[in-house]
C-alpha cells in the first residue's frame, strides 16, 4: 500500500518541481543571485582604528564579525548583521514571494519545497 502511494505521488511531485523551474520573463526567482563581493575575504584596511563590522564568510555561509580600520572600505563590510544577511546571506536571506519554489535549509544540506497560498 505505501509503495503504491509513493509511486503515485512521485510523478506529481516531479511535475510540480518542473513547473516551478519553467519561468517566463515576467516571473522572478525567489531570491536574487548573491553578489560577487560576498565571496571576498574581510579587509581591515590600512588605518589602525578598531571598529567591529560584519562580513559574509562564504565558506561557513554565515555573517561574522571582523576588525575594520575605517579606511578604504570594501563592499563585503556591513555595519550590522541584518544588512549582511539581506545582501549576502544565501540560505539565511528572507524568502521573497513567488511561484512554487524551494530553498536550502541552512542547518542542513536539504532542499525544501514550498508553495505560496
N, C-alpha and C. Protein backbone atom coordinates (compact mmCIF):
# COMPACT_ATOMS: atom_id res chain seq x y z
N UNK A 1 0.82 -1.19 0.00
CA UNK A 1 0.00 0.00 0.00
C UNK A 1 0.87 1.26 0.00
N UNK A 2 1.91 1.32 0.88
CA UNK A 2 2.74 2.52 0.95
C UNK A 2 3.56 2.70 -0.32
N UNK A 3 3.97 1.60 -0.96
CA UNK A 3 4.71 1.71 -2.22
C UNK A 3 3.80 2.27 -3.31
N UNK A 4 2.52 1.91 -3.28
CA UNK A 4 1.57 2.42 -4.26
C UNK A 4 1.39 3.93 -4.08
N UNK A 5 1.28 4.40 -2.85
CA UNK A 5 1.14 5.83 -2.58
C UNK A 5 2.38 6.59 -3.03
N UNK A 6 3.55 6.03 -2.75
CA UNK A 6 4.80 6.65 -3.15
C UNK A 6 4.90 6.71 -4.66
N UNK A 7 4.54 5.61 -5.33
CA UNK A 7 4.60 5.56 -6.79
C UNK A 7 3.65 6.57 -7.41
N UNK A 8 2.50 6.77 -6.81
CA UNK A 8 1.52 7.71 -7.35
C UNK A 8 1.90 9.15 -7.06
N UNK A 9 2.52 9.42 -5.93
CA UNK A 9 2.83 10.80 -5.58
C UNK A 9 4.13 11.31 -6.20
N UNK A 10 5.04 10.43 -6.56
CA UNK A 10 6.31 10.84 -7.14
C UNK A 10 6.14 11.61 -8.44
N UNK A 11 5.34 11.13 -9.42
CA UNK A 11 5.16 11.92 -10.65
C UNK A 11 4.53 13.29 -10.39
N UNK A 12 3.63 13.38 -9.43
CA UNK A 12 3.00 14.67 -9.11
C UNK A 12 4.05 15.63 -8.56
N UNK A 13 4.90 15.15 -7.66
CA UNK A 13 5.95 15.98 -7.09
C UNK A 13 6.94 16.43 -8.16
N UNK A 14 7.37 15.51 -9.02
CA UNK A 14 8.32 15.87 -10.08
C UNK A 14 7.70 16.87 -11.05
N UNK A 15 6.44 16.69 -11.37
CA UNK A 15 5.75 17.62 -12.26
C UNK A 15 5.65 19.01 -11.65
N UNK A 16 5.38 19.07 -10.37
CA UNK A 16 5.30 20.35 -9.67
C UNK A 16 6.66 21.04 -9.64
N UNK A 17 7.71 20.29 -9.38
CA UNK A 17 9.06 20.86 -9.38
C UNK A 17 9.43 21.37 -10.76
N UNK A 18 9.12 20.59 -11.80
CA UNK A 18 9.43 21.00 -13.17
C UNK A 18 8.66 22.26 -13.55
N UNK A 19 7.40 22.34 -13.16
CA UNK A 19 6.60 23.52 -13.47
C UNK A 19 7.15 24.75 -12.76
N UNK A 20 7.66 24.58 -11.57
CA UNK A 20 8.22 25.71 -10.82
C UNK A 20 9.52 26.22 -11.40
N UNK A 21 10.27 25.38 -12.12
CA UNK A 21 11.54 25.83 -12.68
C UNK A 21 11.37 26.46 -14.05
N UNK A 22 10.24 26.26 -14.71
CA UNK A 22 10.00 26.86 -16.01
C UNK A 22 9.34 28.21 -15.79
N UNK A 23 10.09 29.28 -16.09
CA UNK A 23 9.59 30.63 -15.87
C UNK A 23 9.55 31.38 -17.19
N UNK A 24 8.62 32.30 -17.30
CA UNK A 24 8.69 33.21 -18.42
C UNK A 24 9.39 34.47 -17.95
N UNK A 25 9.51 35.48 -18.82
CA UNK A 25 10.29 36.66 -18.48
C UNK A 25 9.64 37.51 -17.39
N UNK A 26 8.35 37.33 -17.13
CA UNK A 26 7.69 38.15 -16.11
C UNK A 26 7.90 37.61 -14.71
N UNK A 27 8.25 36.34 -14.58
CA UNK A 27 8.48 35.76 -13.25
C UNK A 27 9.91 36.02 -12.82
N UNK A 28 10.11 36.19 -11.54
CA UNK A 28 11.44 36.37 -11.00
C UNK A 28 11.74 35.23 -10.04
N UNK A 29 13.01 34.86 -9.88
CA UNK A 29 13.33 33.80 -8.94
C UNK A 29 13.02 34.23 -7.51
N UNK A 30 12.91 33.26 -6.62
CA UNK A 30 12.57 33.55 -5.23
C UNK A 30 13.66 34.37 -4.55
N UNK A 31 14.90 34.21 -4.98
CA UNK A 31 15.99 35.01 -4.43
C UNK A 31 16.89 35.47 -5.56
N UNK A 32 17.36 36.70 -5.45
CA UNK A 32 18.32 37.21 -6.42
C UNK A 32 19.65 36.52 -6.20
N UNK A 33 20.47 36.42 -7.26
CA UNK A 33 21.79 35.79 -7.06
C UNK A 33 22.64 36.58 -6.08
N UNK A 34 23.53 35.89 -5.44
CA UNK A 34 24.41 36.51 -4.46
C UNK A 34 25.45 37.37 -5.18
N UNK A 35 25.69 38.62 -4.73
CA UNK A 35 26.70 39.47 -5.35
C UNK A 35 28.11 38.85 -5.23
N UNK A 36 28.95 39.10 -6.23
CA UNK A 36 30.30 38.53 -6.25
C UNK A 36 31.15 39.00 -5.07
N UNK A 37 30.94 40.23 -4.61
CA UNK A 37 31.77 40.73 -3.50
C UNK A 37 31.53 39.96 -2.21
N UNK A 38 30.44 39.21 -2.12
CA UNK A 38 30.19 38.41 -0.92
C UNK A 38 31.23 37.30 -0.76
N UNK A 39 31.93 36.97 -1.82
CA UNK A 39 32.95 35.92 -1.77
C UNK A 39 34.31 36.45 -1.34
N UNK A 40 34.46 37.78 -1.27
CA UNK A 40 35.74 38.38 -0.88
C UNK A 40 36.00 38.20 0.61
N UNK A 41 37.27 38.07 1.00
CA UNK A 41 37.60 37.97 2.44
C UNK A 41 37.42 39.33 3.10
N UNK A 42 37.36 39.37 4.43
CA UNK A 42 37.25 40.66 5.11
C UNK A 42 38.52 41.48 4.89
N UNK A 43 38.38 42.79 4.81
CA UNK A 43 39.51 43.67 4.56
C UNK A 43 39.56 44.72 5.66
N UNK A 44 40.61 44.71 6.46
CA UNK A 44 40.74 45.64 7.57
C UNK A 44 41.06 47.05 7.08
N UNK A 45 41.83 47.18 6.02
CA UNK A 45 42.25 48.48 5.51
C UNK A 45 43.54 48.93 6.16
N UNK A 46 44.16 50.02 5.64
CA UNK A 46 45.46 50.46 6.13
C UNK A 46 45.41 51.25 7.44
N UNK A 47 44.26 51.76 7.83
CA UNK A 47 44.18 52.56 9.06
C UNK A 47 44.16 51.66 10.29
N UNK A 48 44.44 52.27 11.45
CA UNK A 48 44.60 51.48 12.67
C UNK A 48 43.48 51.66 13.69
N UNK A 49 42.37 52.19 13.26
CA UNK A 49 41.23 52.29 14.18
C UNK A 49 40.69 50.87 14.41
N UNK A 50 39.84 50.73 15.38
CA UNK A 50 39.30 49.40 15.68
C UNK A 50 37.77 49.49 15.77
N UNK A 51 37.14 49.14 14.66
CA UNK A 51 35.68 49.10 14.59
C UNK A 51 35.28 47.68 14.23
N UNK A 52 34.32 47.15 14.94
CA UNK A 52 33.85 45.81 14.62
C UNK A 52 32.71 45.91 13.63
N UNK A 53 32.87 45.23 12.51
CA UNK A 53 31.88 45.21 11.44
C UNK A 53 31.55 43.77 11.10
N UNK A 54 30.65 43.57 10.16
CA UNK A 54 30.26 42.22 9.72
C UNK A 54 30.69 42.00 8.28
N UNK A 55 31.09 40.78 7.98
CA UNK A 55 31.39 40.36 6.61
C UNK A 55 30.74 39.00 6.39
N UNK A 56 30.49 38.67 5.12
CA UNK A 56 29.92 37.37 4.80
C UNK A 56 31.05 36.38 4.58
N UNK A 57 31.07 35.32 5.38
CA UNK A 57 32.07 34.26 5.26
C UNK A 57 31.50 33.20 4.34
N UNK A 58 32.00 33.14 3.10
CA UNK A 58 31.44 32.24 2.09
C UNK A 58 31.63 30.77 2.45
N UNK A 59 32.71 30.43 3.14
CA UNK A 59 32.94 29.01 3.46
C UNK A 59 31.98 28.51 4.53
N UNK A 60 31.64 29.35 5.50
CA UNK A 60 30.70 28.92 6.54
C UNK A 60 29.26 29.33 6.21
N UNK A 61 29.09 30.18 5.20
CA UNK A 61 27.78 30.71 4.78
C UNK A 61 27.09 31.47 5.92
N UNK A 62 27.91 32.19 6.72
CA UNK A 62 27.39 32.97 7.84
C UNK A 62 28.00 34.37 7.82
N UNK A 63 27.31 35.32 8.41
CA UNK A 63 27.86 36.66 8.60
C UNK A 63 28.59 36.68 9.93
N UNK A 64 29.86 37.11 9.90
CA UNK A 64 30.70 37.10 11.09
C UNK A 64 31.33 38.47 11.30
N UNK A 65 31.82 38.72 12.51
CA UNK A 65 32.45 40.00 12.81
C UNK A 65 33.93 39.98 12.44
N UNK A 66 34.46 41.18 12.18
CA UNK A 66 35.89 41.36 11.96
C UNK A 66 36.27 42.77 12.38
N UNK A 67 37.57 42.99 12.60
CA UNK A 67 38.08 44.30 13.00
C UNK A 67 38.36 45.12 11.74
N UNK A 68 37.78 46.30 11.66
CA UNK A 68 37.91 47.18 10.49
C UNK A 68 38.63 48.45 10.93
N UNK A 69 39.64 48.87 10.15
CA UNK A 69 40.44 50.05 10.49
C UNK A 69 39.85 51.38 10.07
N UNK A 70 38.74 51.38 9.37
CA UNK A 70 37.97 52.55 8.95
C UNK A 70 38.57 53.31 7.78
N UNK A 71 39.36 52.66 6.94
CA UNK A 71 39.86 53.28 5.71
C UNK A 71 39.73 52.29 4.55
N UNK A 72 39.42 52.84 3.38
CA UNK A 72 39.34 52.04 2.15
C UNK A 72 38.42 50.83 2.29
N UNK A 73 37.22 51.10 2.68
CA UNK A 73 36.22 50.06 2.91
C UNK A 73 35.89 49.33 1.61
N UNK A 74 35.84 48.02 1.66
CA UNK A 74 35.40 47.21 0.53
C UNK A 74 33.93 46.86 0.73
N UNK A 75 33.31 46.23 -0.28
CA UNK A 75 31.87 46.00 -0.24
C UNK A 75 31.43 44.92 0.74
N UNK A 76 32.28 43.94 1.03
CA UNK A 76 31.91 42.89 1.98
C UNK A 76 32.21 43.38 3.39
N UNK A 77 31.56 44.49 3.76
CA UNK A 77 31.78 45.18 5.03
C UNK A 77 30.45 45.83 5.41
N UNK A 78 29.83 45.32 6.45
CA UNK A 78 28.48 45.77 6.82
C UNK A 78 28.45 46.28 8.25
N UNK A 79 27.69 47.34 8.46
CA UNK A 79 27.55 47.94 9.78
C UNK A 79 26.81 47.01 10.74
N UNK A 80 25.79 46.30 10.23
CA UNK A 80 25.05 45.38 11.10
C UNK A 80 24.81 44.04 10.41
N UNK A 81 24.52 43.06 11.22
CA UNK A 81 24.35 41.69 10.74
C UNK A 81 23.17 41.56 9.79
N UNK A 82 22.10 42.32 10.04
CA UNK A 82 20.91 42.24 9.19
C UNK A 82 21.22 42.66 7.76
N UNK A 83 22.03 43.72 7.57
CA UNK A 83 22.41 44.14 6.22
C UNK A 83 23.25 43.06 5.54
N UNK A 84 24.15 42.46 6.29
CA UNK A 84 24.99 41.38 5.75
C UNK A 84 24.12 40.22 5.28
N UNK A 85 23.18 39.81 6.11
CA UNK A 85 22.31 38.68 5.77
C UNK A 85 21.42 39.02 4.57
N UNK A 86 20.84 40.21 4.55
CA UNK A 86 19.94 40.54 3.45
C UNK A 86 20.67 40.70 2.13
N UNK A 87 21.96 41.04 2.16
CA UNK A 87 22.74 41.20 0.93
C UNK A 87 23.40 39.91 0.49
N UNK A 88 24.05 39.21 1.40
CA UNK A 88 24.86 38.05 1.05
C UNK A 88 24.39 36.75 1.68
N UNK A 89 23.47 36.80 2.59
CA UNK A 89 23.14 35.68 3.47
C UNK A 89 22.78 34.35 2.88
N UNK A 90 22.58 34.23 1.56
CA UNK A 90 22.28 32.93 0.99
C UNK A 90 21.09 32.28 1.64
N UNK A 91 21.30 31.17 2.34
CA UNK A 91 20.21 30.42 2.99
C UNK A 91 19.52 31.24 4.05
N UNK A 92 20.21 32.20 4.61
CA UNK A 92 19.63 32.98 5.70
C UNK A 92 18.85 34.20 5.22
N UNK A 93 18.90 34.48 3.91
CA UNK A 93 18.16 35.64 3.40
C UNK A 93 16.67 35.39 3.48
N UNK A 94 15.87 36.43 3.70
CA UNK A 94 14.42 36.25 3.74
C UNK A 94 13.90 35.75 2.39
N UNK A 95 12.88 34.92 2.43
CA UNK A 95 12.28 34.40 1.21
C UNK A 95 11.36 35.45 0.60
N UNK A 96 11.41 35.59 -0.73
CA UNK A 96 10.53 36.52 -1.42
C UNK A 96 9.34 35.75 -1.96
N UNK A 97 8.24 36.45 -2.16
CA UNK A 97 7.04 35.82 -2.70
C UNK A 97 7.27 35.44 -4.16
N UNK A 98 6.59 34.40 -4.60
CA UNK A 98 6.72 33.98 -5.98
C UNK A 98 6.00 32.68 -6.23
N UNK A 99 6.22 32.09 -7.41
CA UNK A 99 5.59 30.82 -7.75
C UNK A 99 6.19 29.69 -6.92
N UNK A 100 5.63 28.47 -7.01
CA UNK A 100 6.20 27.36 -6.24
C UNK A 100 7.70 27.26 -6.49
N UNK A 101 8.45 27.25 -5.43
CA UNK A 101 9.91 27.24 -5.49
C UNK A 101 10.43 26.33 -4.40
N UNK A 102 11.65 26.55 -4.01
CA UNK A 102 12.25 25.85 -2.89
C UNK A 102 13.39 26.67 -2.35
N UNK A 103 13.92 26.25 -1.22
CA UNK A 103 15.09 26.93 -0.67
C UNK A 103 15.90 25.92 0.11
N UNK A 104 17.17 26.24 0.28
CA UNK A 104 18.05 25.38 1.04
C UNK A 104 17.85 25.66 2.52
N UNK A 105 17.91 24.63 3.31
CA UNK A 105 17.79 24.78 4.76
C UNK A 105 19.20 24.98 5.31
N UNK A 106 19.43 26.10 5.99
CA UNK A 106 20.77 26.47 6.43
C UNK A 106 21.38 25.46 7.40
N UNK A 107 20.59 24.85 8.25
CA UNK A 107 21.11 23.92 9.25
C UNK A 107 21.51 22.58 8.66
N UNK A 108 21.06 22.30 7.45
CA UNK A 108 21.40 21.02 6.82
C UNK A 108 21.59 21.26 5.33
N UNK A 109 21.92 20.24 4.60
CA UNK A 109 22.08 20.36 3.16
C UNK A 109 20.84 19.88 2.42
N UNK A 110 19.67 20.14 3.01
CA UNK A 110 18.42 19.72 2.38
C UNK A 110 17.83 20.86 1.57
N UNK A 111 17.01 20.50 0.60
CA UNK A 111 16.27 21.47 -0.21
C UNK A 111 14.80 21.25 0.06
N UNK A 112 14.10 22.28 0.50
CA UNK A 112 12.70 22.16 0.91
C UNK A 112 11.83 22.89 -0.09
N UNK A 113 10.78 22.23 -0.57
CA UNK A 113 9.85 22.85 -1.49
C UNK A 113 8.77 23.58 -0.71
N UNK A 114 8.32 24.71 -1.26
CA UNK A 114 7.22 25.42 -0.65
C UNK A 114 6.28 25.91 -1.73
N UNK A 115 5.04 26.13 -1.37
CA UNK A 115 4.03 26.67 -2.27
C UNK A 115 3.35 27.82 -1.56
N UNK A 116 3.31 28.99 -2.21
CA UNK A 116 2.61 30.13 -1.62
C UNK A 116 1.12 29.96 -1.80
N UNK A 117 0.35 30.32 -0.80
CA UNK A 117 -1.11 30.23 -0.92
C UNK A 117 -1.71 31.61 -1.07
